[in-house]
Amino acid sequence: MKNINPNKTLAELTVAEFMELQNSMNNKDNKLYAYGIKGIAKILGCSRSKAAEVKKSGILDDAIFQNRNIIVVDVEKALQLFGNKK
């Protein structure tokens, strides 16, 4: 985005400028997420009951975002946290 005028409308961008903009946005958030206890089990390579135990233990709290019964897990952070606690 070094040469793109932020005051240009999207319609005024050249193909090269548009591709540069798109690539810069794609590189910002390349995180992988897993969902639910099943997702935690898949990340850790264990059973769902063991994944529930790990979640309940609090080891992965910094990698888990939960709203009621919806669980979203940042995979990279979960693996880092789990590796530090072994």
PDB file of N, CA and C in Angstrom:
ATOM      1  N   MET A   1       0.822  -1.188   0.000  1.00  0.00           N
ATOM      2  CA  MET A   1       0.000   0.000   0.000  1.00  0.00           C
ATOM      3  C   MET A   1       0.863   1.248   0.000  1.00  0.00           C
ATOM      4  N   LYS A   2       2.068   1.107  -0.394  1.00  0.00           N
ATOM      5  CA  LYS A   2       2.996   2.229  -0.324  1.00  0.00           C
ATOM      6  C   LYS A   2       2.634   3.357  -1.270  1.00  0.00           C
ATOM      7  N   ASN A   3       2.077   3.046  -2.447  1.00  0.00           N
ATOM      8  CA  ASN A   3       1.811   4.073  -3.442  1.00  0.00           C
ATOM      9  C   ASN A   3       0.326   4.316  -3.684  1.00  0.00           C
ATOM     10  N   ILE A   4      -0.529   3.747  -2.896  1.00  0.00           N
ATOM     11  CA  ILE A   4      -1.968   3.897  -3.105  1.00  0.00           C
ATOM     12  C   ILE A   4      -2.467   5.114  -2.342  1.00  0.00           C
ATOM     13  N   ASN A   5      -3.093   6.018  -3.063  1.00  0.00           N
ATOM     14  CA  ASN A   5      -3.675   7.215  -2.456  1.00  0.00           C
ATOM     15  C   ASN A   5      -4.926   6.801  -1.684  1.00  0.00           C
ATOM     16  N   PRO A   6      -4.972   7.020  -0.379  1.00  0.00           N
ATOM     17  CA  PRO A   6      -6.130   6.598   0.404  1.00  0.00           C
ATOM     18  C   PRO A   6      -7.412   7.364   0.064  1.00  0.00           C
ATOM     19  N   ASN A   7      -7.291   8.459  -0.683  1.00  0.00           N
ATOM     20  CA  ASN A   7      -8.476   9.226  -1.069  1.00  0.00           C
ATOM     21  C   ASN A   7      -9.087   8.758  -2.394  1.00  0.00           C
ATOM     22  N   LYS A   8      -8.441   7.802  -3.052  1.00  0.00           N
ATOM     23  CA  LYS A   8      -8.990   7.246  -4.295  1.00  0.00           C
ATOM     24  C   LYS A   8     -10.179   6.359  -3.975  1.00  0.00           C
ATOM     25  N   THR A   9     -11.148   6.373  -4.863  1.00  0.00           N
ATOM     26  CA  THR A   9     -12.253   5.426  -4.709  1.00  0.00           C
ATOM     27  C   THR A   9     -11.799   4.081  -5.237  1.00  0.00           C
ATOM     28  N   LEU A  10     -12.505   3.048  -4.881  1.00  0.00           N
ATOM     29  CA  LEU A  10     -12.163   1.710  -5.336  1.00  0.00           C
ATOM     30  C   LEU A  10     -12.198   1.611  -6.852  1.00  0.00           C
ATOM     31  N   ALA A  11     -13.113   2.315  -7.483  1.00  0.00           N
ATOM     32  CA  ALA A  11     -13.243   2.288  -8.939  1.00  0.00           C
ATOM     33  C   ALA A  11     -12.051   2.934  -9.637  1.00  0.00           C
ATOM     34  N   GLU A  12     -11.330   3.795  -8.957  1.00  0.00           N
ATOM     35  CA  GLU A  12     -10.186   4.480  -9.555  1.00  0.00           C
ATOM     36  C   GLU A  12      -8.877   3.690  -9.467  1.00  0.00           C
ATOM     37  N   LEU A  13      -8.859   2.610  -8.715  1.00  0.00           N
ATOM     38  CA  LEU A  13      -7.641   1.823  -8.558  1.00  0.00           C
ATOM     39  C   LEU A  13      -7.317   1.056  -9.829  1.00  0.00           C
ATOM     40  N   THR A  14      -6.026   0.928 -10.096  1.00  0.00           N
ATOM     41  CA  THR A  14      -5.603   0.059 -11.191  1.00  0.00           C
ATOM     42  C   THR A  14      -5.661  -1.381 -10.685  1.00  0.00           C
ATOM     43  N   VAL A  15      -5.544  -2.329 -11.580  1.00  0.00           N
ATOM     44  CA  VAL A  15      -5.548  -3.735 -11.181  1.00  0.00           C
ATOM     45  C   VAL A  15      -4.380  -4.011 -10.238  1.00  0.00           C
ATOM     46  N   ALA A  16      -3.223  -3.478 -10.547  1.00  0.00           N
ATOM     47  CA  ALA A  16      -2.039  -3.683  -9.698  1.00  0.00           C
ATOM     48  C   ALA A  16      -2.253  -3.104  -8.303  1.00  0.00           C
ATOM     49  N   GLU A  17      -2.831  -1.913  -8.218  1.00  0.00           N
ATOM     50  CA  GLU A  17      -3.094  -1.299  -6.911  1.00  0.00           C
ATOM     51  C   GLU A  17      -4.115  -2.118  -6.125  1.00  0.00           C
ATOM     52  N   PHE A  18      -5.137  -2.600  -6.823  1.00  0.00           N
ATOM     53  CA  PHE A  18      -6.158  -3.411  -6.156  1.00  0.00           C
ATOM     54  C   PHE A  18      -5.545  -4.703  -5.615  1.00  0.00           C
ATOM     55  N   MET A  19      -4.698  -5.358  -6.419  1.00  0.00           N
ATOM     56  CA  MET A  19      -4.061  -6.596  -5.980  1.00  0.00           C
ATOM     57  C   MET A  19      -3.127  -6.337  -4.797  1.00  0.00           C
ATOM     58  N   GLU A  20      -2.407  -5.227  -4.818  1.00  0.00           N
ATOM     59  CA  GLU A  20      -1.531  -4.858  -3.705  1.00  0.00           C
ATOM     60  C   GLU A  20      -2.349  -4.650  -2.432  1.00  0.00           C
ATOM     61  N   LEU A  21      -3.464  -3.971  -2.563  1.00  0.00           N
ATOM     62  CA  LEU A  21      -4.347  -3.731  -1.430  1.00  0.00           C
ATOM     63  C   LEU A  21      -4.894  -5.038  -0.883  1.00  0.00           C
ATOM     64  N   GLN A  22      -5.335  -5.904  -1.761  1.00  0.00           N
ATOM     65  CA  GLN A  22      -5.901  -7.187  -1.351  1.00  0.00           C
ATOM     66  C   GLN A  22      -4.847  -8.058  -0.664  1.00  0.00           C
ATOM     67  N   ASN A  23      -3.641  -8.098  -1.215  1.00  0.00           N
ATOM     68  CA  ASN A  23      -2.571  -8.891  -0.604  1.00  0.00           C
ATOM     69  C   ASN A  23      -2.185  -8.367   0.764  1.00  0.00           C
ATOM     70  N   SER A  24      -2.163  -7.053   0.919  1.00  0.00           N
ATOM     71  CA  SER A  24      -1.801  -6.491   2.222  1.00  0.00           C
ATOM     72  C   SER A  24      -2.858  -6.820   3.269  1.00  0.00           C
ATOM     73  N   MET A  25      -4.104  -6.896   2.866  1.00  0.00           N
ATOM     74  CA  MET A  25      -5.174  -7.236   3.805  1.00  0.00           C
ATOM     75  C   MET A  25      -5.154  -8.719   4.140  1.00  0.00           C
ATOM     76  N   ASN A  26      -4.823  -9.571   3.192  1.00  0.00           N
ATOM     77  CA  ASN A  26      -4.780 -11.011   3.438  1.00  0.00           C
ATOM     78  C   ASN A  26      -3.660 -11.390   4.380  1.00  0.00           C
ATOM     79  N   ASN A  27      -2.569 -10.657   4.374  1.00  0.00           N
ATOM     80  CA  ASN A  27      -1.421 -10.998   5.206  1.00  0.00           C
ATOM     81  C   ASN A  27      -1.614 -10.614   6.664  1.00  0.00           C
ATOM     82  N   LYS A  28      -2.590  -9.795   6.985  1.00  0.00           N
ATOM     83  CA  LYS A  28      -2.773  -9.327   8.357  1.00  0.00           C
ATOM     84  C   LYS A  28      -3.373 -10.384   9.265  1.00  0.00           C
ATOM     85  N   ASP A  29      -4.319 -11.177   8.753  1.00  0.00           N
ATOM     86  CA  ASP A  29      -5.018 -12.118   9.626  1.00  0.00           C
ATOM     87  C   ASP A  29      -5.054 -13.499   8.987  1.00  0.00           C
ATOM     88  N   ASN A  30      -3.971 -14.224   9.142  1.00  0.00           N
ATOM     89  CA  ASN A  30      -3.907 -15.575   8.607  1.00  0.00           C
ATOM     90  C   ASN A  30      -4.087 -16.600   9.722  1.00  0.00           C
ATOM     91  N   LYS A  31      -4.855 -16.262  10.729  1.00  0.00           N
ATOM     92  CA  LYS A  31      -5.042 -17.149  11.861  1.00  0.00           C
ATOM     93  C   LYS A  31      -6.006 -18.275  11.511  1.00  0.00           C
ATOM     94  N   LEU A  32      -5.766 -19.401  12.140  1.00  0.00           N
ATOM     95  CA  LEU A  32      -6.658 -20.544  12.017  1.00  0.00           C
ATOM     96  C   LEU A  32      -7.469 -20.646  13.293  1.00  0.00           C
ATOM     97  N   TYR A  33      -8.714 -20.991  13.131  1.00  0.00           N
ATOM     98  CA  TYR A  33      -9.592 -21.140  14.281  1.00  0.00           C
ATOM     99  C   TYR A  33     -10.235 -22.516  14.277  1.00  0.00           C
ATOM    100  N   ALA A  34     -10.496 -23.033  15.464  1.00  0.00           N
ATOM    101  CA  ALA A  34     -11.239 -24.274  15.628  1.00  0.00           C
ATOM    102  C   ALA A  34     -12.471 -23.930  16.458  1.00  0.00           C
ATOM    103  N   TYR A  35     -13.473 -24.789  16.380  1.00  0.00           N
ATOM    104  CA  TYR A  35     -14.739 -24.482  17.025  1.00  0.00           C
ATOM    105  C   TYR A  35     -15.201 -25.630  17.903  1.00  0.00           C
ATOM    106  N   GLY A  36     -15.566 -25.308  19.129  1.00  0.00           N
ATOM    107  CA  GLY A  36     -16.144 -26.275  20.047  1.00  0.00           C
ATOM    108  C   GLY A  36     -15.138 -27.225  20.667  1.00  0.00           C
ATOM    109  N   ILE A  37     -15.669 -28.104  21.512  1.00  0.00           N
ATOM    110  CA  ILE A  37     -14.859 -29.137  22.158  1.00  0.00           C
ATOM    111  C   ILE A  37     -14.268 -30.063  21.100  1.00  0.00           C
ATOM    112  N   LYS A  38     -15.052 -30.333  20.069  1.00  0.00           N
ATOM    113  CA  LYS A  38     -14.577 -31.179  18.977  1.00  0.00           C
ATOM    114  C   LYS A  38     -13.346 -30.557  18.310  1.00  0.00           C
ATOM    115  N   GLY A  39     -13.347 -29.234  18.150  1.00  0.00           N
ATOM    116  CA  GLY A  39     -12.207 -28.536  17.575  1.00  0.00           C
ATOM    117  C   GLY A  39     -10.979 -28.615  18.461  1.00  0.00           C
ATOM    118  N   ILE A  40     -11.176 -28.479  19.768  1.00  0.00           N
ATOM    119  CA  ILE A  40     -10.066 -28.598  20.717  1.00  0.00           C
ATOM    120  C   ILE A  40      -9.489 -30.012  20.644  1.00  0.00           C
ATOM    121  N   ALA A  41     -10.364 -31.003  20.572  1.00  0.00           N
ATOM    122  CA  ALA A  41      -9.914 -32.395  20.475  1.00  0.00           C
ATOM    123  C   ALA A  41      -9.092 -32.614  19.211  1.00  0.00           C
ATOM    124  N   LYS A  42      -9.512 -32.007  18.130  1.00  0.00           N
ATOM    125  CA  LYS A  42      -8.783 -32.152  16.866  1.00  0.00           C
ATOM    126  C   LYS A  42      -7.414 -31.490  16.945  1.00  0.00           C
ATOM    127  N   ILE A  43      -7.343 -30.298  17.555  1.00  0.00           N
ATOM    128  CA  ILE A  43      -6.072 -29.588  17.709  1.00  0.00           C
ATOM    129  C   ILE A  43      -5.085 -30.423  18.519  1.00  0.00           C
ATOM    130  N   LEU A  44      -5.562 -30.972  19.624  1.00  0.00           N
ATOM    131  CA  LEU A  44      -4.690 -31.684  20.554  1.00  0.00           C
ATOM    132  C   LEU A  44      -4.522 -33.159  20.211  1.00  0.00           C
ATOM    133  N   GLY A  45      -5.355 -33.664  19.302  1.00  0.00           N
ATOM    134  CA  GLY A  45      -5.269 -35.077  18.932  1.00  0.00           C
ATOM    135  C   GLY A  45      -5.699 -35.991  20.055  1.00  0.00           C
ATOM    136  N   CYS A  46      -6.795 -35.619  20.710  1.00  0.00           N
ATOM    137  CA  CYS A  46      -7.277 -36.422  21.836  1.00  0.00           C
ATOM    138  C   CYS A  46      -8.787 -36.613  21.716  1.00  0.00           C
ATOM    139  N   SER A  47      -9.363 -37.307  22.685  1.00  0.00           N
ATOM    140  CA  SER A  47     -10.812 -37.526  22.686  1.00  0.00           C
ATOM    141  C   SER A  47     -11.533 -36.249  23.109  1.00  0.00           C
ATOM    142  N   ARG A  48     -12.835 -36.205  22.848  1.00  0.00           N
ATOM    143  CA  ARG A  48     -13.615 -35.037  23.250  1.00  0.00           C
ATOM    144  C   ARG A  48     -13.693 -34.911  24.771  1.00  0.00           C
ATOM    145  N   SER A  49     -13.739 -36.043  25.458  1.00  0.00           N
ATOM    146  CA  SER A  49     -13.799 -35.967  26.925  1.00  0.00           C
ATOM    147  C   SER A  49     -12.491 -35.401  27.498  1.00  0.00           C
ATOM    148  N   LYS A  50     -11.357 -35.794  26.915  1.00  0.00           N
ATOM    149  CA  LYS A  50     -10.069 -35.252  27.362  1.00  0.00           C
ATOM    150  C   LYS A  50      -9.962 -33.768  27.003  1.00  0.00           C
ATOM    151  N   ALA A  51     -10.480 -33.393  25.822  1.00  0.00           N
ATOM    152  CA  ALA A  51     -10.478 -31.985  25.414  1.00  0.00           C
ATOM    153  C   ALA A  51     -11.310 -31.143  26.378  1.00  0.00           C
ATOM    154  N   ALA A  52     -12.431 -31.695  26.822  1.00  0.00           N
ATOM    155  CA  ALA A  52     -13.274 -30.985  27.795  1.00  0.00           C
ATOM    156  C   ALA A  52     -12.531 -30.801  29.119  1.00  0.00           C
ATOM    157  N   GLU A  53     -11.764 -31.811  29.523  1.00  0.00           N
ATOM    158  CA  GLU A  53     -10.962 -31.712  30.751  1.00  0.00           C
ATOM    159  C   GLU A  53      -9.906 -30.614  30.621  1.00  0.00           C
ATOM    160  N   VAL A  54      -9.228 -30.587  29.471  1.00  0.00           N
ATOM    161  CA  VAL A  54      -8.184 -29.584  29.239  1.00  0.00           C
ATOM    162  C   VAL A  54      -8.789 -28.186  29.271  1.00  0.00           C
ATOM    163  N   LYS A  55      -9.944 -28.013  28.605  1.00  0.00           N
ATOM    164  CA  LYS A  55     -10.618 -26.710  28.594  1.00  0.00           C
ATOM    165  C   LYS A  55     -10.993 -26.296  30.017  1.00  0.00           C
ATOM    166  N   LYS A  56     -11.549 -27.238  30.764  1.00  0.00           N
ATOM    167  CA  LYS A  56     -11.980 -26.956  32.128  1.00  0.00           C
ATOM    168  C   LYS A  56     -10.804 -26.613  33.041  1.00  0.00           C
ATOM    169  N   SER A  57      -9.625 -27.156  32.734  1.00  0.00           N
ATOM    170  CA  SER A  57      -8.444 -26.906  33.560  1.00  0.00           C
ATOM    171  C   SER A  57      -7.970 -25.454  33.481  1.00  0.00           C
ATOM    172  N   GLY A  58      -8.325 -24.753  32.389  1.00  0.00           N
ATOM    173  CA  GLY A  58      -7.932 -23.352  32.252  1.00  0.00           C
ATOM    174  C   GLY A  58      -6.640 -23.125  31.493  1.00  0.00           C
ATOM    175  N   ILE A  59      -5.998 -24.208  31.069  1.00  0.00           N
ATOM    176  CA  ILE A  59      -4.726 -24.085  30.350  1.00  0.00           C
ATOM    177  C   ILE A  59      -4.885 -23.245  29.085  1.00  0.00           C
ATOM    178  N   LEU A  60      -5.992 -23.416  28.393  1.00  0.00           N
ATOM    179  CA  LEU A  60      -6.189 -22.764  27.099  1.00  0.00           C
ATOM    180  C   LEU A  60      -7.024 -21.486  27.173  1.00  0.00           C
ATOM    181  N   ASP A  61      -7.263 -20.976  28.353  1.00  0.00           N
ATOM    182  CA  ASP A  61      -8.165 -19.827  28.515  1.00  0.00           C
ATOM    183  C   ASP A  61      -7.802 -18.627  27.636  1.00  0.00           C
ATOM    184  N   ASP A  62      -6.516 -18.342  27.458  1.00  0.00           N
ATOM    185  CA  ASP A  62      -6.119 -17.188  26.652  1.00  0.00           C
ATOM    186  C   ASP A  62      -6.339 -17.404  25.158  1.00  0.00           C
ATOM    187  N   ALA A  63      -6.547 -18.647  24.752  1.00  0.00           N
ATOM    188  CA  ALA A  63      -6.761 -18.957  23.335  1.00  0.00           C
ATOM    189  C   ALA A  63      -8.234 -19.177  23.008  1.00  0.00           C
ATOM    190  N   ILE A  64      -9.083 -19.169  24.031  1.00  0.00           N
ATOM    191  CA  ILE A  64     -10.506 -19.482  23.833  1.00  0.00           C
ATOM    192  C   ILE A  64     -11.366 -18.235  23.995  1.00  0.00           C
ATOM    193  N   PHE A  65     -12.257 -18.064  23.038  1.00  0.00           N
ATOM    194  CA  PHE A  65     -13.280 -17.017  23.114  1.00  0.00           C
ATOM    195  C   PHE A  65     -14.606 -17.745  23.206  1.00  0.00           C
ATOM    196  N   GLN A  66     -15.357 -17.478  24.258  1.00  0.00           N
ATOM    197  CA  GLN A  66     -16.605 -18.206  24.440  1.00  0.00           C
ATOM    198  C   GLN A  66     -17.740 -17.248  24.748  1.00  0.00           C
ATOM    199  N   ASN A  67     -18.865 -17.482  24.084  1.00  0.00           N
ATOM    200  CA  ASN A  67     -20.091 -16.754  24.346  1.00  0.00           C
ATOM    201  C   ASN A  67     -21.184 -17.796  24.512  1.00  0.00           C
ATOM    202  N   ARG A  68     -21.588 -18.000  25.743  1.00  0.00           N
ATOM    203  CA  ARG A  68     -22.527 -19.054  26.105  1.00  0.00           C
ATOM    204  C   ARG A  68     -21.997 -20.405  25.662  1.00  0.00           C
ATOM    205  N   ASN A  69     -22.644 -21.059  24.689  1.00  0.00           N
ATOM    206  CA  ASN A  69     -22.179 -22.386  24.280  1.00  0.00           C
ATOM    207  C   ASN A  69     -21.384 -22.368  22.977  1.00  0.00           C
ATOM    208  N   ILE A  70     -21.034 -21.183  22.478  1.00  0.00           N
ATOM    209  CA  ILE A  70     -20.215 -21.057  21.273  1.00  0.00           C
ATOM    210  C   ILE A  70     -18.755 -20.916  21.711  1.00  0.00           C
ATOM    211  N   ILE A  71     -17.904 -21.811  21.229  1.00  0.00           N
ATOM    212  CA  ILE A  71     -16.492 -21.802  21.592  1.00  0.00           C
ATOM    213  C   ILE A  71     -15.662 -21.618  20.326  1.00  0.00           C
ATOM    214  N   VAL A  72     -14.782 -20.607  20.320  1.00  0.00           N
ATOM    215  CA  VAL A  72     -13.862 -20.366  19.213  1.00  0.00           C
ATOM    216  C   VAL A  72     -12.454 -20.410  19.792  1.00  0.00           C
ATOM    217  N   VAL A  73     -11.576 -21.177  19.136  1.00  0.00           N
ATOM    218  CA  VAL A  73     -10.223 -21.380  19.644  1.00  0.00           C
ATOM    219  C   VAL A  73      -9.205 -20.914  18.613  1.00  0.00           C
ATOM    220  N   ASP A  74      -8.275 -20.063  19.031  1.00  0.00           N
ATOM    221  CA  ASP A  74      -7.147 -19.655  18.202  1.00  0.00           C
ATOM    222  C   ASP A  74      -6.160 -20.831  18.231  1.00  0.00           C
ATOM    223  N   VAL A  75      -6.029 -21.533  17.100  1.00  0.00           N
ATOM    224  CA  VAL A  75      -5.250 -22.771  17.046  1.00  0.00           C
ATOM    225  C   VAL A  75      -3.790 -22.551  17.429  1.00  0.00           C
ATOM    226  N   GLU A  76      -3.149 -21.562  16.844  1.00  0.00           N
ATOM    227  CA  GLU A  76      -1.725 -21.325  17.115  1.00  0.00           C
ATOM    228  C   GLU A  76      -1.475 -21.034  18.586  1.00  0.00           C
ATOM    229  N   LYS A  77      -2.291 -20.170  19.153  1.00  0.00           N
ATOM    230  CA  LYS A  77      -2.120 -19.805  20.564  1.00  0.00           C
ATOM    231  C   LYS A  77      -2.401 -20.997  21.480  1.00  0.00           C
ATOM    232  N   ALA A  78      -3.413 -21.800  21.125  1.00  0.00           N
ATOM    233  CA  ALA A  78      -3.738 -22.979  21.929  1.00  0.00           C
ATOM    234  C   ALA A  78      -2.566 -23.959  21.954  1.00  0.00           C
ATOM    235  N   LEU A  79      -1.943 -24.169  20.804  1.00  0.00           N
ATOM    236  CA  LEU A  79      -0.798 -25.085  20.749  1.00  0.00           C
ATOM    237  C   LEU A  79       0.378 -24.543  21.554  1.00  0.00           C
ATOM    238  N   GLN A  80       0.587 -23.232  21.505  1.00  0.00           N
ATOM    239  CA  GLN A  80       1.664 -22.623  22.300  1.00  0.00           C
ATOM    240  C   GLN A  80       1.393 -22.803  23.788  1.00  0.00           C
ATOM    241  N   LEU A  81       0.176 -22.498  24.210  1.00  0.00           N
ATOM    242  CA  LEU A  81      -0.173 -22.611  25.636  1.00  0.00           C
ATOM    243  C   LEU A  81      -0.081 -24.046  26.113  1.00  0.00           C
ATOM    244  N   PHE A  82      -0.590 -24.976  25.326  1.00  0.00           N
ATOM    245  CA  PHE A  82      -0.570 -26.384  25.708  1.00  0.00           C
ATOM    246  C   PHE A  82       0.874 -26.886  25.776  1.00  0.00           C
ATOM    247  N   GLY A  83       1.706 -26.453  24.850  1.00  0.00           N
ATOM    248  CA  GLY A  83       3.115 -26.861  24.850  1.00  0.00           C
ATOM    249  C   GLY A  83       3.867 -26.328  26.049  1.00  0.00           C
ATOM    250  N   ASN A  84       3.513 -25.134  26.515  1.00  0.00           N
ATOM    251  CA  ASN A  84       4.174 -24.539  27.683  1.00  0.00           C
ATOM    252  C   ASN A  84       3.779 -25.225  28.985  1.00  0.00           C
ATOM    253  N   LYS A  85       2.600 -25.836  29.027  1.00  0.00           N
ATOM    254  CA  LYS A  85       2.101 -26.441  30.262  1.00  0.00           C
ATOM    255  C   LYS A  85       2.471 -27.911  30.409  1.00  0.00           C
ATOM    256  N   LYS A  86       2.988 -28.535  29.357  1.00  0.00           N
ATOM    257  CA  LYS A  86       3.318 -29.980  29.429  1.00  0.00           C
ATOM    258  C   LYS A  86       4.392 -30.258  30.447  1.00  0.00           C
TER     259      LYS A  86
END
